[in-house]
PDB file of N, CA and C in Angstrom:
ATOM      1  N   UNK A   1      79.032 -51.474  -1.700  1.00  0.00           N
ATOM      2  CA  UNK A   1      78.439 -51.907  -0.368  1.00  0.00           C
ATOM      3  C   UNK A   1      78.720 -50.963   0.930  1.00  0.00           C
ATOM      4  N   UNK A   2      80.228 -50.504   0.941  1.00  0.00           N
ATOM      5  CA  UNK A   2      80.719 -49.950   2.230  1.00  0.00           C
ATOM      6  C   UNK A   2      80.090 -48.816   2.193  1.00  0.00           C
ATOM      7  N   UNK A   3      80.029 -47.654   1.208  1.00  0.00           N
ATOM      8  CA  UNK A   3      79.638 -46.854   0.430  1.00  0.00           C
ATOM      9  C   UNK A   3      78.274 -46.664   1.455  1.00  0.00           C
ATOM     10  N   UNK A   4      77.274 -47.609   0.798  1.00  0.00           N
ATOM     11  CA  UNK A   4      76.001 -47.763   1.497  1.00  0.00           C
ATOM     12  C   UNK A   4      75.788 -47.787   3.152  1.00  0.00           C
ATOM     13  N   UNK A   5      76.713 -48.651   3.668  1.00  0.00           N
ATOM     14  CA  UNK A   5      76.717 -48.607   5.064  1.00  0.00           C
ATOM     15  C   UNK A   5      77.108 -47.490   5.850  1.00  0.00           C
ATOM     16  N   UNK A   6      78.446 -46.815   5.085  1.00  0.00           N
ATOM     17  CA  UNK A   6      78.426 -45.362   5.546  1.00  0.00           C
ATOM     18  C   UNK A   6      77.366 -44.214   5.264  1.00  0.00           C
ATOM     19  N   UNK A   7      76.649 -44.217   4.133  1.00  0.00           N
ATOM     20  CA  UNK A   7      75.972 -43.353   4.345  1.00  0.00           C
ATOM     21  C   UNK A   7      74.490 -43.511   4.787  1.00  0.00           C
ATOM     22  N   UNK A   8      74.481 -44.834   4.969  1.00  0.00           N
ATOM     23  CA  UNK A   8      73.033 -45.065   6.068  1.00  0.00           C
ATOM     24  C   UNK A   8      73.467 -44.360   7.264  1.00  0.00           C
ATOM     25  N   UNK A   9      74.458 -45.194   7.950  1.00  0.00           N
ATOM     26  CA  UNK A   9      74.787 -45.171   9.261  1.00  0.00           C
ATOM     27  C   UNK A   9      75.470 -42.959   9.778  1.00  0.00           C
ATOM     28  N   UNK A  10      75.133 -42.396   8.701  1.00  0.00           N
ATOM     29  CA  UNK A  10      75.839 -40.856   9.041  1.00  0.00           C
ATOM     30  C   UNK A  10      74.857 -39.623   8.406  1.00  0.00           C
ATOM     31  N   UNK A  11      73.611 -40.842   8.033  1.00  0.00           N
ATOM     32  CA  UNK A  11      72.662 -39.602   7.174  1.00  0.00           C
ATOM     33  C   UNK A  11      71.962 -38.948   8.711  1.00  0.00           C
ATOM     34  N   UNK A  12      71.711 -39.563   9.869  1.00  0.00           N
ATOM     35  CA  UNK A  12      71.687 -39.379  10.971  1.00  0.00           C
ATOM     36  C   UNK A  12      71.855 -37.754  11.458  1.00  0.00           C
ATOM     37  N   UNK A  13      73.037 -37.756  10.910  1.00  0.00           N
ATOM     38  CA  UNK A  13      73.789 -36.362  11.710  1.00  0.00           C
ATOM     39  C   UNK A  13      73.325 -35.136  10.563  1.00  0.00           C
ATOM     40  N   UNK A  14      72.560 -35.318   9.839  1.00  0.00           N
ATOM     41  CA  UNK A  14      72.060 -33.943   8.707  1.00  0.00           C
ATOM     42  C   UNK A  14      71.435 -33.059   8.806  1.00  0.00           C
ATOM     43  N   UNK A  15      71.673 -32.110   8.762  1.00  0.00           N
ATOM     44  CA  UNK A  15      70.327 -31.070   8.890  1.00  0.00           C
ATOM     45  C   UNK A  15      69.668 -31.103   7.283  1.00  0.00           C
ATOM     46  N   UNK A  16      68.312 -31.084   7.462  1.00  0.00           N
ATOM     47  CA  UNK A  16      67.656 -30.878   6.397  1.00  0.00           C
ATOM     48  C   UNK A  16      66.175 -30.148   6.540  1.00  0.00           C
ATOM     49  N   UNK A  17      66.465 -29.129   7.074  1.00  0.00           N
ATOM     50  CA  UNK A  17      65.218 -28.237   7.094  1.00  0.00           C
ATOM     51  C   UNK A  17      64.927 -27.291   5.727  1.00  0.00           C
ATOM     52  N   UNK A  18      64.113 -26.797   5.368  1.00  0.00           N
ATOM     53  CA  UNK A  18      63.989 -25.735   4.340  1.00  0.00           C
ATOM     54  C   UNK A  18      64.017 -24.468   5.146  1.00  0.00           C
ATOM     55  N   UNK A  19      64.102 -23.470   4.256  1.00  0.00           N
ATOM     56  CA  UNK A  19      64.704 -22.205   4.721  1.00  0.00           C
ATOM     57  C   UNK A  19      63.699 -21.616   5.503  1.00  0.00           C
ATOM     58  N   UNK A  20      62.281 -22.135   5.065  1.00  0.00           N
ATOM     59  CA  UNK A  20      60.776 -21.544   5.623  1.00  0.00           C
ATOM     60  C   UNK A  20      60.856 -22.166   7.167  1.00  0.00           C
ATOM     61  N   UNK A  21      61.149 -23.462   7.317  1.00  0.00           N
ATOM     62  CA  UNK A  21      61.330 -23.997   8.048  1.00  0.00           C
ATOM     63  C   UNK A  21      62.160 -23.974   9.370  1.00  0.00           C
ATOM     64  N   UNK A  22      63.309 -23.360   9.063  1.00  0.00           N
ATOM     65  CA  UNK A  22      64.379 -23.132  10.099  1.00  0.00           C
ATOM     66  C   UNK A  22      64.310 -22.202  10.484  1.00  0.00           C
ATOM     67  N   UNK A  23      63.813 -21.180   9.607  1.00  0.00           N
ATOM     68  CA  UNK A  23      63.296 -19.420  10.185  1.00  0.00           C
ATOM     69  C   UNK A  23      62.615 -19.456  11.253  1.00  0.00           C
ATOM     70  N   UNK A  24      61.496 -20.510  11.145  1.00  0.00           N
ATOM     71  CA  UNK A  24      60.196 -20.445  12.269  1.00  0.00           C
ATOM     72  C   UNK A  24      60.869 -21.407  13.442  1.00  0.00           C
ATOM     73  N   UNK A  25      61.468 -22.304  13.058  1.00  0.00           N
ATOM     74  CA  UNK A  25      62.207 -22.991  14.195  1.00  0.00           C
ATOM     75  C   UNK A  25      63.095 -22.556  15.028  1.00  0.00           C
ATOM     76  N   UNK A  26      64.143 -21.453  14.628  1.00  0.00           N
ATOM     77  CA  UNK A  26      65.268 -20.756  15.340  1.00  0.00           C
ATOM     78  C   UNK A  26      64.561 -20.250  16.026  1.00  0.00           C
ATOM     79  N   UNK A  27      63.374 -19.524  16.132  1.00  0.00           N
ATOM     80  CA  UNK A  27      62.926 -18.658  16.880  1.00  0.00           C
ATOM     81  C   UNK A  27      62.323 -19.053  18.085  1.00  0.00           C
ATOM     82  N   UNK A  28      62.250 -20.500  18.387  1.00  0.00           N
ATOM     83  CA  UNK A  28      61.898 -20.961  19.267  1.00  0.00           C
ATOM     84  C   UNK A  28      62.820 -21.151  20.314  1.00  0.00           C
ATOM     85  N   UNK A  29      62.446 -20.807  21.863  1.00  0.00           N
ATOM     86  CA  UNK A  29      63.048 -21.442  22.575  1.00  0.00           C
ATOM     87  C   UNK A  29      63.904 -22.585  22.685  1.00  0.00           C
ATOM     88  N   UNK A  30      62.861 -23.768  22.897  1.00  0.00           N
ATOM     89  CA  UNK A  30      63.680 -24.896  23.020  1.00  0.00           C
ATOM     90  C   UNK A  30      63.758 -25.668  21.349  1.00  0.00           C
ATOM     91  N   UNK A  31      65.220 -26.291  21.312  1.00  0.00           N
ATOM     92  CA  UNK A  31      65.243 -27.074  19.932  1.00  0.00           C
ATOM     93  C   UNK A  31      64.641 -28.282  19.745  1.00  0.00           C
ATOM     94  N   UNK A  32      63.685 -28.319  20.578  1.00  0.00           N
ATOM     95  CA  UNK A  32      63.218 -30.093  20.439  1.00  0.00           C
ATOM     96  C   UNK A  32      62.632 -30.410  19.413  1.00  0.00           C
ATOM     97  N   UNK A  33      62.006 -28.962  18.885  1.00  0.00           N
ATOM     98  CA  UNK A  33      60.897 -29.531  17.776  1.00  0.00           C
ATOM     99  C   UNK A  33      61.648 -29.431  16.245  1.00  0.00           C
ATOM    100  N   UNK A  34      62.745 -28.521  16.423  1.00  0.00           N
ATOM    101  CA  UNK A  34      63.495 -28.701  15.592  1.00  0.00           C
ATOM    102  C   UNK A  34      64.380 -29.516  15.140  1.00  0.00           C
ATOM    103  N   UNK A  35      64.930 -30.545  16.263  1.00  0.00           N
ATOM    104  CA  UNK A  35      65.338 -31.717  16.196  1.00  0.00           C
ATOM    105  C   UNK A  35      64.424 -32.633  15.804  1.00  0.00           C
ATOM    106  N   UNK A  36      63.384 -32.982  15.887  1.00  0.00           N
ATOM    107  CA  UNK A  36      62.079 -33.620  15.731  1.00  0.00           C
ATOM    108  C   UNK A  36      61.975 -33.526  13.629  1.00  0.00           C
ATOM    109  N   UNK A  37      61.747 -32.238  13.190  1.00  0.00           N
ATOM    110  CA  UNK A  37      61.432 -32.097  12.367  1.00  0.00           C
ATOM    111  C   UNK A  37      62.589 -32.318  11.220  1.00  0.00           C
ATOM    112  N   UNK A  38      63.664 -32.198  12.056  1.00  0.00           N
ATOM    113  CA  UNK A  38      65.057 -32.603  10.782  1.00  0.00           C
ATOM    114  C   UNK A  38      64.781 -34.177  10.949  1.00  0.00           C
ATOM    115  N   UNK A  39      64.709 -34.885  12.105  1.00  0.00           N
ATOM    116  CA  UNK A  39      64.684 -35.752  12.170  1.00  0.00           C
ATOM    117  C   UNK A  39      63.769 -36.743  11.142  1.00  0.00           C
ATOM    118  N   UNK A  40      62.497 -36.231  11.102  1.00  0.00           N
ATOM    119  CA  UNK A  40      61.260 -36.453  10.071  1.00  0.00           C
ATOM    120  C   UNK A  40      61.712 -36.466   8.930  1.00  0.00           C
ATOM    121  N   UNK A  41      62.203 -35.094   8.246  1.00  0.00           N
ATOM    122  CA  UNK A  41      62.795 -34.954   7.102  1.00  0.00           C
ATOM    123  C   UNK A  41      63.960 -36.016   6.507  1.00  0.00           C
ATOM    124  N   UNK A  42      64.841 -36.480   7.226  1.00  0.00           N
ATOM    125  CA  UNK A  42      65.515 -37.300   6.738  1.00  0.00           C
ATOM    126  C   UNK A  42      64.717 -38.401   6.496  1.00  0.00           C
ATOM    127  N   UNK A  43      64.146 -39.282   7.684  1.00  0.00           N
ATOM    128  CA  UNK A  43      63.616 -40.194   7.395  1.00  0.00           C
ATOM    129  C   UNK A  43      62.635 -40.756   5.703  1.00  0.00           C
ATOM    130  N   UNK A  44      62.059 -39.141   5.887  1.00  0.00           N
ATOM    131  CA  UNK A  44      61.652 -39.323   4.450  1.00  0.00           C
ATOM    132  C   UNK A  44      62.046 -39.287   3.195  1.00  0.00           C
ATOM    133  N   UNK A  45      62.956 -38.606   3.289  1.00  0.00           N
ATOM    134  CA  UNK A  45      64.391 -39.001   2.135  1.00  0.00           C
ATOM    135  C   UNK A  45      64.874 -40.410   1.946  1.00  0.00           C
ATOM    136  N   UNK A  46      64.978 -40.832   3.703  1.00  0.00           N
ATOM    137  CA  UNK A  46      65.703 -42.280   2.852  1.00  0.00           C
ATOM    138  C   UNK A  46      64.579 -43.525   2.639  1.00  0.00           C
ATOM    139  N   UNK A  47      63.758 -43.769   2.957  1.00  0.00           N
ATOM    140  CA  UNK A  47      62.678 -44.497   2.330  1.00  0.00           C
ATOM    141  C   UNK A  47      62.823 -44.752   1.269  1.00  0.00           C
ATOM    142  N   UNK A  48      62.691 -43.489   0.214  1.00  0.00           N
ATOM    143  CA  UNK A  48      62.369 -44.253  -1.074  1.00  0.00           C
ATOM    144  C   UNK A  48      63.768 -44.728  -1.809  1.00  0.00           C
ATOM    145  N   UNK A  49      65.502 -44.383  -1.132  1.00  0.00           N
ATOM    146  CA  UNK A  49      66.446 -45.691  -1.458  1.00  0.00           C
ATOM    147  C   UNK A  49      66.560 -46.020  -1.164  1.00  0.00           C
ATOM    148  N   UNK A  50      65.931 -46.723   0.076  1.00  0.00           N
ATOM    149  CA  UNK A  50      65.866 -47.783   0.620  1.00  0.00           C
ATOM    150  C   UNK A  50      64.953 -48.856  -0.395  1.00  0.00           C
ATOM    151  N   UNK A  51      63.836 -48.268  -0.523  1.00  0.00           N
ATOM    152  CA  UNK A  51      62.982 -48.813  -1.292  1.00  0.00           C
ATOM    153  C   UNK A  51      63.128 -49.721  -2.785  1.00  0.00           C
ATOM    154  N   UNK A  52      63.979 -48.193  -3.209  1.00  0.00           N
ATOM    155  CA  UNK A  52      64.556 -48.457  -4.815  1.00  0.00           C
ATOM    156  C   UNK A  52      65.846 -49.536  -4.323  1.00  0.00           C
ATOM    157  N   UNK A  53      66.847 -49.601  -3.845  1.00  0.00           N
ATOM    158  CA  UNK A  53      68.077 -50.627  -3.582  1.00  0.00           C
ATOM    159  C   UNK A  53      67.269 -51.634  -3.208  1.00  0.00           C
ATOM    160  N   UNK A  54      66.272 -51.800  -2.620  1.00  0.00           N
ATOM    161  CA  UNK A  54      65.775 -53.255  -2.481  1.00  0.00           C
ATOM    162  C   UNK A  54      64.966 -54.059  -3.653  1.00  0.00           C
ATOM    163  N   UNK A  55      64.776 -52.874  -4.570  1.00  0.00           N
ATOM    164  CA  UNK A  55      63.896 -53.623  -5.594  1.00  0.00           C
ATOM    165  C   UNK A  55      65.162 -54.168  -6.729  1.00  0.00           C
ATOM    166  N   UNK A  56      66.310 -53.154  -7.053  1.00  0.00           N
ATOM    167  CA  UNK A  56      67.658 -53.543  -7.601  1.00  0.00           C
ATOM    168  C   UNK A  56      68.345 -54.977  -6.853  1.00  0.00           C
ATOM    169  N   UNK A  57      68.162 -55.073  -5.526  1.00  0.00           N
ATOM    170  CA  UNK A  57      68.997 -56.076  -5.358  1.00  0.00           C
ATOM    171  C   UNK A  57      67.998 -57.652  -5.371  1.00  0.00           C
ATOM    172  N   UNK A  58      66.672 -57.693  -5.341  1.00  0.00           N
ATOM    173  CA  UNK A  58      66.140 -59.033  -6.102  1.00  0.00           C
ATOM    174  C   UNK A  58      65.702 -58.822  -7.348  1.00  0.00           C
ATOM    175  N   UNK A  59      66.104 -57.447  -8.270  1.00  0.00           N
ATOM    176  CA  UNK A  59      66.049 -57.666  -9.722  1.00  0.00           C
ATOM    177  C   UNK A  59      67.674 -58.714 -10.000  1.00  0.00           C
ATOM    178  N   UNK A  60      68.440 -58.178  -9.228  1.00  0.00           N
ATOM    179  CA  UNK A  60      69.557 -58.790  -9.620  1.00  0.00           C
ATOM    180  C   UNK A  60      69.953 -60.233  -9.076  1.00  0.00           C
ATOM    181  N   UNK A  61      69.193 -60.325  -7.887  1.00  0.00           N
ATOM    182  CA  UNK A  61      69.263 -61.717  -7.581  1.00  0.00           C
ATOM    183  C   UNK A  61      68.120 -62.713  -8.281  1.00  0.00           C
ATOM    184  N   UNK A  62      67.286 -62.015  -8.857  1.00  0.00           N
ATOM    185  CA  UNK A  62      66.671 -62.892 -10.284  1.00  0.00           C
ATOM    186  C   UNK A  62      67.456 -63.258 -11.185  1.00  0.00           C
ATOM    187  N   UNK A  63      68.011 -62.415 -11.703  1.00  0.00           N
ATOM    188  CA  UNK A  63      68.857 -62.456 -13.049  1.00  0.00           C
ATOM    189  C   UNK A  63      69.518 -63.385 -12.911  1.00  0.00           C
ATOM    190  N   UNK A  64      70.363 -63.262 -11.646  1.00  0.00           N
ATOM    191  CA  UNK A  64      71.959 -63.829 -11.902  1.00  0.00           C
ATOM    192  C   UNK A  64      71.253 -65.625 -11.239  1.00  0.00           C
ATOM    193  N   UNK A  65      70.040 -65.871 -10.949  1.00  0.00           N
ATOM    194  CA  UNK A  65      69.588 -67.021 -10.486  1.00  0.00           C
ATOM    195  C   UNK A  65      69.155 -67.513 -11.840  1.00  0.00           C
ATOM    196  N   UNK A  66      68.447 -66.584 -12.910  1.00  0.00           N
ATOM    197  CA  UNK A  66      67.898 -67.395 -14.113  1.00  0.00           C
ATOM    198  C   UNK A  66      69.238 -67.704 -14.966  1.00  0.00           C
ATOM    199  N   UNK A  67      70.447 -67.274 -15.006  1.00  0.00           N
ATOM    200  CA  UNK A  67      71.514 -66.939 -15.501  1.00  0.00           C
ATOM    201  C   UNK A  67      72.439 -68.634 -15.334  1.00  0.00           C
ATOM    202  N   UNK A  68      72.111 -68.975 -14.082  1.00  0.00           N
ATOM    203  CA  UNK A  68      73.228 -70.124 -13.809  1.00  0.00           C
ATOM    204  C   UNK A  68      72.103 -71.283 -14.236  1.00  0.00           C
TER     205      UNK A  68
END
């Protein structure tokens, strides 16, 4: 549980650009577009993990309820 909390809090600081996006965005004067692209990529990466974690939690909760 502690690992999940730390990974959720620190994923905001990662850089997640592909090589082509990075090359195009580094040539730009302002870095606001590059930061927006990075944030979008990281959020898109995080959503499936959150959904799978939620499904596993509900299955675990249901399984424990049936055993009692």
